[in-house]
Amino acid sequence: MAQNTTHAVMSQRTEHRDSLDNFPTPPWATRALIEHVIGPDVASGKSVLEPACGEGYMSRALAEYFDTVRSFDVHGYGYGYVDDFLASSWSDGTFDWVITNPPFKAAEDFVARALPIARHGVAVLVRTVFIESIGRWERLFRDNPCTAFAQFVERVPIVKGRVDPKATTATGYAWLVWDKLASEHSRIVWIPPSRKALERRDDYDRPADVGLFAA
């Protein structure tokens, strides 16, 4: 029997070198980061940078918790500004947080660039297997261990080019958090089943279409 991969993003996903790697995040998965990992009280009154905003699905959810959301992407999707994060000249400590779903092939570079920009912390959504590999440990985790590895216990359906309430996935995802104010490192956090509680009817409307623009 042929395997059904119509809606699934398989764990061996790879992108061409010149791909824009546009895999938008369902808003409920961003809310889960705030509700179960960072805490709404930590986000309240703070600023956050989303440097791979795509069409704005993550930025829209962040705006529910943060006072200021700055959004841009290397490609113009009709939401936020166009800018290349890795080539940007943001000063150290410009934002309280940097939170994003980085391009898969540039995730390590995004973390390295984000850490000095963020006063409080950095959070990136990655595949669970991102924490594997000797090379990544040597380049990133050995000298900059994350303070929290927050694993979704349910699957987050992330598909190329759209958010889809009917999508499925064979890939596990987690939030990696670097909290500069935390007193402990490398703790494991389990994100409980959250989709049913945190998903909203308008989550799958394109933010650019409904006139939302995050500066």
C-alpha atoms as a PDB file:
ATOM      1  CA  MET A   1       0.000   0.000   0.000  1.00  0.00           C
ATOM      2  CA  ALA A   2       1.369   3.429  -0.941  1.00  0.00           C
ATOM      3  CA  GLN A   3       2.109   5.751   1.934  1.00  0.00           C
ATOM      4  CA  ASN A   4      -0.206   8.744   2.211  1.00  0.00           C
ATOM      5  CA  THR A   5       1.915  11.885   2.466  1.00  0.00           C
ATOM      6  CA  THR A   6      -0.638  14.336   1.101  1.00  0.00           C
ATOM      7  CA  HIS A   7      -0.560  16.617   4.152  1.00  0.00           C
ATOM      8  CA  ALA A   8       2.428  15.284   6.054  1.00  0.00           C
ATOM      9  CA  VAL A   9       5.746  16.992   6.449  1.00  0.00           C
ATOM     10  CA  MET A  10       8.037  14.020   6.886  1.00  0.00           C
ATOM     11  CA  SER A  11      10.892  14.012   9.374  1.00  0.00           C
ATOM     12  CA  GLN A  12      13.452  13.771   6.561  1.00  0.00           C
ATOM     13  CA  ARG A  13      12.300  17.076   5.103  1.00  0.00           C
ATOM     14  CA  THR A  14      15.006  18.913   3.187  1.00  0.00           C
ATOM     15  CA  GLU A  15      14.908  22.209   1.328  1.00  0.00           C
ATOM     16  CA  HIS A  16      16.854  23.341  -1.717  1.00  0.00           C
ATOM     17  CA  ARG A  17      19.680  25.735  -0.932  1.00  0.00           C
ATOM     18  CA  ASP A  18      17.839  28.670  -2.513  1.00  0.00           C
ATOM     19  CA  SER A  19      14.443  27.816  -0.999  1.00  0.00           C
ATOM     20  CA  LEU A  20      12.638  30.460   1.071  1.00  0.00           C
ATOM     21  CA  ASP A  21      11.709  27.686   3.521  1.00  0.00           C
ATOM     22  CA  ASN A  22       8.236  29.094   4.134  1.00  0.00           C
ATOM     23  CA  PHE A  23       6.670  26.791   6.720  1.00  0.00           C
ATOM     24  CA  PRO A  24       4.284  28.995   8.753  1.00  0.00           C
ATOM     25  CA  THR A  25       3.493  28.180  12.376  1.00  0.00           C
ATOM     26  CA  PRO A  26      -0.102  27.529  13.480  1.00  0.00           C
ATOM     27  CA  PRO A  27      -0.898  30.359  15.943  1.00  0.00           C
ATOM     28  CA  TRP A  28      -1.915  27.959  18.701  1.00  0.00           C
ATOM     29  CA  ALA A  29       1.647  26.604  18.815  1.00  0.00           C
ATOM     30  CA  THR A  30       2.961  30.113  19.507  1.00  0.00           C
ATOM     31  CA  ARG A  31       0.343  30.631  22.222  1.00  0.00           C
ATOM     32  CA  ALA A  32       1.494  27.345  23.764  1.00  0.00           C
ATOM     33  CA  LEU A  33       5.018  28.769  24.118  1.00  0.00           C
ATOM     34  CA  ILE A  34       3.716  31.755  26.077  1.00  0.00           C
ATOM     35  CA  GLU A  35       1.119  29.902  28.130  1.00  0.00           C
ATOM     36  CA  HIS A  36       3.179  26.841  29.084  1.00  0.00           C
ATOM     37  CA  VAL A  37       6.848  27.840  28.821  1.00  0.00           C
ATOM     38  CA  ILE A  38       7.610  31.570  29.026  1.00  0.00           C
ATOM     39  CA  GLY A  39       4.510  32.723  30.895  1.00  0.00           C
ATOM     40  CA  PRO A  40       2.069  35.523  29.966  1.00  0.00           C
ATOM     41  CA  ASP A  41       3.351  37.657  32.853  1.00  0.00           C
ATOM     42  CA  VAL A  42       6.866  37.586  31.398  1.00  0.00           C
ATOM     43  CA  ALA A  43       5.614  38.762  27.992  1.00  0.00           C
ATOM     44  CA  SER A  44       3.324  41.480  29.322  1.00  0.00           C
ATOM     45  CA  GLY A  45       4.596  44.971  28.588  1.00  0.00           C
ATOM     46  CA  LYS A  46       7.650  43.639  26.729  1.00  0.00           C
ATOM     47  CA  SER A  47       8.938  43.905  23.157  1.00  0.00           C
ATOM     48  CA  VAL A  48       9.598  41.018  20.780  1.00  0.00           C
ATOM     49  CA  LEU A  49      11.232  40.650  17.393  1.00  0.00           C
ATOM     50  CA  GLU A  50       9.949  38.082  14.870  1.00  0.00           C
ATOM     51  CA  PRO A  51      12.635  38.041  12.119  1.00  0.00           C
ATOM     52  CA  ALA A  52      11.136  35.314   9.910  1.00  0.00           C
ATOM     53  CA  CYS A  53       7.522  36.437  10.011  1.00  0.00           C
ATOM     54  CA  GLY A  54       6.297  35.145   6.648  1.00  0.00           C
ATOM     55  CA  GLU A  55       2.625  36.064   6.356  1.00  0.00           C
ATOM     56  CA  GLY A  56       2.392  36.951  10.037  1.00  0.00           C
ATOM     57  CA  TYR A  57       0.835  33.926  11.716  1.00  0.00           C
ATOM     58  CA  MET A  58       3.319  33.895  14.594  1.00  0.00           C
ATOM     59  CA  SER A  59       3.425  37.686  14.888  1.00  0.00           C
ATOM     60  CA  ARG A  60      -0.352  37.857  15.254  1.00  0.00           C
ATOM     61  CA  ALA A  61      -0.235  35.415  18.179  1.00  0.00           C
ATOM     62  CA  LEU A  62       2.711  37.213  19.801  1.00  0.00           C
ATOM     63  CA  ALA A  63       0.776  40.487  19.651  1.00  0.00           C
ATOM     64  CA  GLU A  64      -1.799  38.963  21.991  1.00  0.00           C
ATOM     65  CA  TYR A  65       0.832  38.874  24.758  1.00  0.00           C
ATOM     66  CA  PHE A  66       3.615  41.360  24.000  1.00  0.00           C
ATOM     67  CA  ASP A  67       3.248  45.113  24.031  1.00  0.00           C
ATOM     68  CA  THR A  68       5.419  45.629  20.935  1.00  0.00           C
ATOM     69  CA  VAL A  69       5.980  43.203  18.039  1.00  0.00           C
ATOM     70  CA  ARG A  70       8.496  43.974  15.306  1.00  0.00           C
ATOM     71  CA  SER A  71       8.129  41.711  12.273  1.00  0.00           C
ATOM     72  CA  PHE A  72      10.124  41.245   9.089  1.00  0.00           C
ATOM     73  CA  ASP A  73      11.298  38.559   6.683  1.00  0.00           C
ATOM     74  CA  VAL A  74      13.936  38.234   3.999  1.00  0.00           C
ATOM     75  CA  HIS A  75      11.105  37.909   1.462  1.00  0.00           C
ATOM     76  CA  GLY A  76       8.066  40.162   1.110  1.00  0.00           C
ATOM     77  CA  TYR A  77       4.970  38.168   2.050  1.00  0.00           C
ATOM     78  CA  GLY A  78       2.724  41.216   2.532  1.00  0.00           C
ATOM     79  CA  TYR A  79       3.200  41.362   6.294  1.00  0.00           C
ATOM     80  CA  GLY A  80       5.846  43.292   8.206  1.00  0.00           C
ATOM     81  CA  TYR A  81       8.994  44.627   6.593  1.00  0.00           C
ATOM     82  CA  VAL A  82      11.550  43.080   4.266  1.00  0.00           C
ATOM     83  CA  ASP A  83      14.977  42.642   5.848  1.00  0.00           C
ATOM     84  CA  ASP A  84      17.692  40.005   6.089  1.00  0.00           C
ATOM     85  CA  PHE A  85      18.048  39.146   9.767  1.00  0.00           C
ATOM     86  CA  LEU A  86      21.478  37.576   9.419  1.00  0.00           C
ATOM     87  CA  ALA A  87      22.815  40.663   7.667  1.00  0.00           C
ATOM     88  CA  SER A  88      20.969  43.156   9.873  1.00  0.00           C
ATOM     89  CA  SER A  89      22.665  45.688  12.127  1.00  0.00           C
ATOM     90  CA  TRP A  90      20.428  45.574  15.194  1.00  0.00           C
ATOM     91  CA  SER A  91      22.256  46.756  18.299  1.00  0.00           C
ATOM     92  CA  ASP A  92      22.734  44.500  21.320  1.00  0.00           C
ATOM     93  CA  GLY A  93      19.777  44.541  23.691  1.00  0.00           C
ATOM     94  CA  THR A  94      17.352  46.124  21.221  1.00  0.00           C
ATOM     95  CA  PHE A  95      14.400  43.861  22.123  1.00  0.00           C
ATOM     96  CA  ASP A  96      13.322  41.980  25.220  1.00  0.00           C
ATOM     97  CA  TRP A  97      12.746  38.787  23.238  1.00  0.00           C
ATOM     98  CA  VAL A  98      13.456  37.305  19.820  1.00  0.00           C
ATOM     99  CA  ILE A  99      10.938  34.579  18.962  1.00  0.00           C
ATOM    100  CA  THR A 100      10.678  32.843  15.606  1.00  0.00           C
ATOM    101  CA  ASN A 101      10.361  29.682  13.544  1.00  0.00           C
ATOM    102  CA  PRO A 102      13.691  30.058  11.719  1.00  0.00           C
ATOM    103  CA  PRO A 103      14.518  28.695   8.279  1.00  0.00           C
ATOM    104  CA  PHE A 104      15.637  25.127   8.834  1.00  0.00           C
ATOM    105  CA  LYS A 105      18.979  25.556   7.096  1.00  0.00           C
ATOM    106  CA  ALA A 106      19.804  28.734   9.027  1.00  0.00           C
ATOM    107  CA  ALA A 107      18.453  27.934  12.496  1.00  0.00           C
ATOM    108  CA  GLU A 108      21.841  27.899  14.229  1.00  0.00           C
ATOM    109  CA  ASP A 109      22.787  31.220  12.666  1.00  0.00           C
ATOM    110  CA  PHE A 110      19.457  32.718  13.728  1.00  0.00           C
ATOM    111  CA  VAL A 111      20.065  31.728  17.349  1.00  0.00           C
ATOM    112  CA  ALA A 112      23.599  33.118  17.302  1.00  0.00           C
ATOM    113  CA  ARG A 113      22.380  36.404  15.812  1.00  0.00           C
ATOM    114  CA  ALA A 114      19.406  36.664  18.170  1.00  0.00           C
ATOM    115  CA  LEU A 115      21.188  36.093  21.480  1.00  0.00           C
ATOM    116  CA  PRO A 116      22.944  39.476  21.697  1.00  0.00           C
ATOM    117  CA  ILE A 117      19.897  41.356  20.353  1.00  0.00           C
ATOM    118  CA  ALA A 118      17.582  40.010  23.074  1.00  0.00           C
ATOM    119  CA  ARG A 119      17.722  41.519  26.552  1.00  0.00           C
ATOM    120  CA  HIS A 120      15.677  38.762  28.159  1.00  0.00           C
ATOM    121  CA  GLY A 121      15.561  35.722  25.927  1.00  0.00           C
ATOM    122  CA  VAL A 122      15.342  33.871  22.638  1.00  0.00           C
ATOM    123  CA  ALA A 123      12.896  31.148  21.622  1.00  0.00           C
ATOM    124  CA  VAL A 124      12.971  29.182  18.378  1.00  0.00           C
ATOM    125  CA  LEU A 125      10.588  26.525  17.110  1.00  0.00           C
ATOM    126  CA  VAL A 126      12.541  23.582  15.701  1.00  0.00           C
ATOM    127  CA  ARG A 127      12.167  19.939  14.871  1.00  0.00           C
ATOM    128  CA  THR A 128      12.824  17.766  17.921  1.00  0.00           C
ATOM    129  CA  VAL A 129      15.838  16.188  16.196  1.00  0.00           C
ATOM    130  CA  PHE A 130      17.517  19.620  16.105  1.00  0.00           C
ATOM    131  CA  ILE A 131      19.139  18.876  19.460  1.00  0.00           C
ATOM    132  CA  GLU A 132      20.992  15.938  17.890  1.00  0.00           C
ATOM    133  CA  SER A 133      24.401  15.938  16.129  1.00  0.00           C
ATOM    134  CA  ILE A 134      27.927  16.397  17.395  1.00  0.00           C
ATOM    135  CA  GLY A 135      28.480  19.353  15.092  1.00  0.00           C
ATOM    136  CA  ARG A 136      25.504  21.287  16.415  1.00  0.00           C
ATOM    137  CA  TRP A 137      26.566  20.598  19.990  1.00  0.00           C
ATOM    138  CA  GLU A 138      30.060  21.890  19.243  1.00  0.00           C
ATOM    139  CA  ARG A 139      28.844  24.954  17.367  1.00  0.00           C
ATOM    140  CA  LEU A 140      25.906  25.936  19.580  1.00  0.00           C
ATOM    141  CA  PHE A 141      24.875  23.940  22.623  1.00  0.00           C
ATOM    142  CA  ARG A 142      28.253  23.357  24.276  1.00  0.00           C
ATOM    143  CA  ASP A 143      28.900  27.048  24.886  1.00  0.00           C
ATOM    144  CA  ASN A 144      25.286  28.291  24.746  1.00  0.00           C
ATOM    145  CA  PRO A 145      23.033  25.617  26.242  1.00  0.00           C
ATOM    146  CA  CYS A 146      19.354  26.432  26.069  1.00  0.00           C
ATOM    147  CA  THR A 147      17.628  26.977  29.390  1.00  0.00           C
ATOM    148  CA  ALA A 148      14.516  25.051  28.354  1.00  0.00           C
ATOM    149  CA  PHE A 149      13.772  22.302  25.849  1.00  0.00           C
ATOM    150  CA  ALA A 150       9.992  22.417  25.539  1.00  0.00           C
ATOM    151  CA  GLN A 151       8.611  19.406  23.711  1.00  0.00           C
ATOM    152  CA  PHE A 152       5.098  19.299  22.290  1.00  0.00           C
ATOM    153  CA  VAL A 153       3.389  16.081  23.378  1.00  0.00           C
ATOM    154  CA  GLU A 154       1.021  16.418  20.424  1.00  0.00           C
ATOM    155  CA  ARG A 155       2.058  16.958  16.826  1.00  0.00           C
ATOM    156  CA  VAL A 156       2.184  20.466  15.395  1.00  0.00           C
ATOM    157  CA  PRO A 157       1.113  20.222  11.737  1.00  0.00           C
ATOM    158  CA  ILE A 158       3.467  22.490   9.832  1.00  0.00           C
ATOM    159  CA  VAL A 159       3.202  22.405   6.049  1.00  0.00           C
ATOM    160  CA  LYS A 160       4.902  24.365   3.321  1.00  0.00           C
ATOM    161  CA  GLY A 161       3.379  27.675   2.312  1.00  0.00           C
ATOM    162  CA  ARG A 162       0.213  27.630   4.425  1.00  0.00           C
ATOM    163  CA  VAL A 163      -1.420  26.853   7.735  1.00  0.00           C
ATOM    164  CA  ASP A 164      -3.949  24.066   7.345  1.00  0.00           C
ATOM    165  CA  PRO A 165      -6.359  22.890  10.072  1.00  0.00           C
ATOM    166  CA  LYS A 166      -6.637  19.497   8.342  1.00  0.00           C
ATOM    167  CA  ALA A 167      -2.901  18.910   7.973  1.00  0.00           C
ATOM    168  CA  THR A 168      -1.034  16.085   9.666  1.00  0.00           C
ATOM    169  CA  THR A 169       2.670  15.549  10.233  1.00  0.00           C
ATOM    170  CA  ALA A 170       5.166  12.823  11.018  1.00  0.00           C
ATOM    171  CA  THR A 171       7.532  15.335  12.608  1.00  0.00           C
ATOM    172  CA  GLY A 172       7.868  16.250  16.271  1.00  0.00           C
ATOM    173  CA  TYR A 173       8.497  19.881  17.215  1.00  0.00           C
ATOM    174  CA  ALA A 174       9.846  21.659  20.268  1.00  0.00           C
ATOM    175  CA  TRP A 175      10.563  25.176  21.458  1.00  0.00           C
ATOM    176  CA  LEU A 176      14.144  25.881  22.481  1.00  0.00           C
ATOM    177  CA  VAL A 177      14.415  28.779  24.908  1.00  0.00           C
ATOM    178  CA  TRP A 178      17.443  30.755  26.017  1.00  0.00           C
ATOM    179  CA  ASP A 179      16.290  32.771  29.047  1.00  0.00           C
ATOM    180  CA  LYS A 180      19.074  35.075  30.192  1.00  0.00           C
ATOM    181  CA  LEU A 181      17.395  35.581  33.574  1.00  0.00           C
ATOM    182  CA  ALA A 182      16.934  31.876  34.325  1.00  0.00           C
ATOM    183  CA  SER A 183      18.875  30.265  37.146  1.00  0.00           C
ATOM    184  CA  GLU A 184      18.998  26.783  35.608  1.00  0.00           C
ATOM    185  CA  HIS A 185      19.895  25.348  32.223  1.00  0.00           C
ATOM    186  CA  SER A 186      18.753  22.549  29.950  1.00  0.00           C
ATOM    187  CA  ARG A 187      15.529  21.737  31.757  1.00  0.00           C
ATOM    188  CA  ILE A 188      12.913  19.690  29.939  1.00  0.00           C
ATOM    189  CA  VAL A 189       9.406  21.091  29.692  1.00  0.00           C
ATOM    190  CA  TRP A 190       6.475  19.099  28.386  1.00  0.00           C
ATOM    191  CA  ILE A 191       3.949  21.221  26.517  1.00  0.00           C
ATOM    192  CA  PRO A 192       0.631  19.526  27.327  1.00  0.00           C
ATOM    193  CA  PRO A 193      -2.106  18.984  24.750  1.00  0.00           C
ATOM    194  CA  SER A 194      -2.864  22.572  23.793  1.00  0.00           C
ATOM    195  CA  ARG A 195      -4.428  22.743  20.376  1.00  0.00           C
ATOM    196  CA  LYS A 196      -8.025  22.250  21.492  1.00  0.00           C
ATOM    197  CA  ALA A 197      -7.754  24.952  24.153  1.00  0.00           C
ATOM    198  CA  LEU A 198      -5.642  27.483  22.253  1.00  0.00           C
ATOM    199  CA  GLU A 199      -6.819  27.187  18.636  1.00  0.00           C
ATOM    200  CA  ARG A 200      -9.207  29.869  17.377  1.00  0.00           C
ATOM    201  CA  ARG A 201     -11.571  29.985  14.446  1.00  0.00           C
ATOM    202  CA  ASP A 202      -9.760  32.835  12.679  1.00  0.00           C
ATOM    203  CA  ASP A 203      -6.262  31.360  13.116  1.00  0.00           C
ATOM    204  CA  TYR A 204      -6.257  30.183   9.522  1.00  0.00           C
ATOM    205  CA  ASP A 205      -7.177  33.520   7.972  1.00  0.00           C
ATOM    206  CA  ARG A 206      -4.167  35.083   6.276  1.00  0.00           C
ATOM    207  CA  PRO A 207      -3.105  38.019   8.495  1.00  0.00           C
ATOM    208  CA  ALA A 208      -2.042  40.084   5.483  1.00  0.00           C
ATOM    209  CA  ASP A 209      -5.527  39.652   3.981  1.00  0.00           C
ATOM    210  CA  VAL A 210      -7.302  40.939   7.076  1.00  0.00           C
ATOM    211  CA  GLY A 211      -5.178  44.064   7.218  1.00  0.00           C
ATOM    212  CA  LEU A 212      -2.863  43.218  10.122  1.00  0.00           C
ATOM    213  CA  PHE A 213       0.561  44.787   9.846  1.00  0.00           C
ATOM    214  CA  ALA A 214       3.196  44.440  12.539  1.00  0.00           C
ATOM    215  CA  ALA A 215       5.795  47.181  12.509  1.00  0.00           C
END
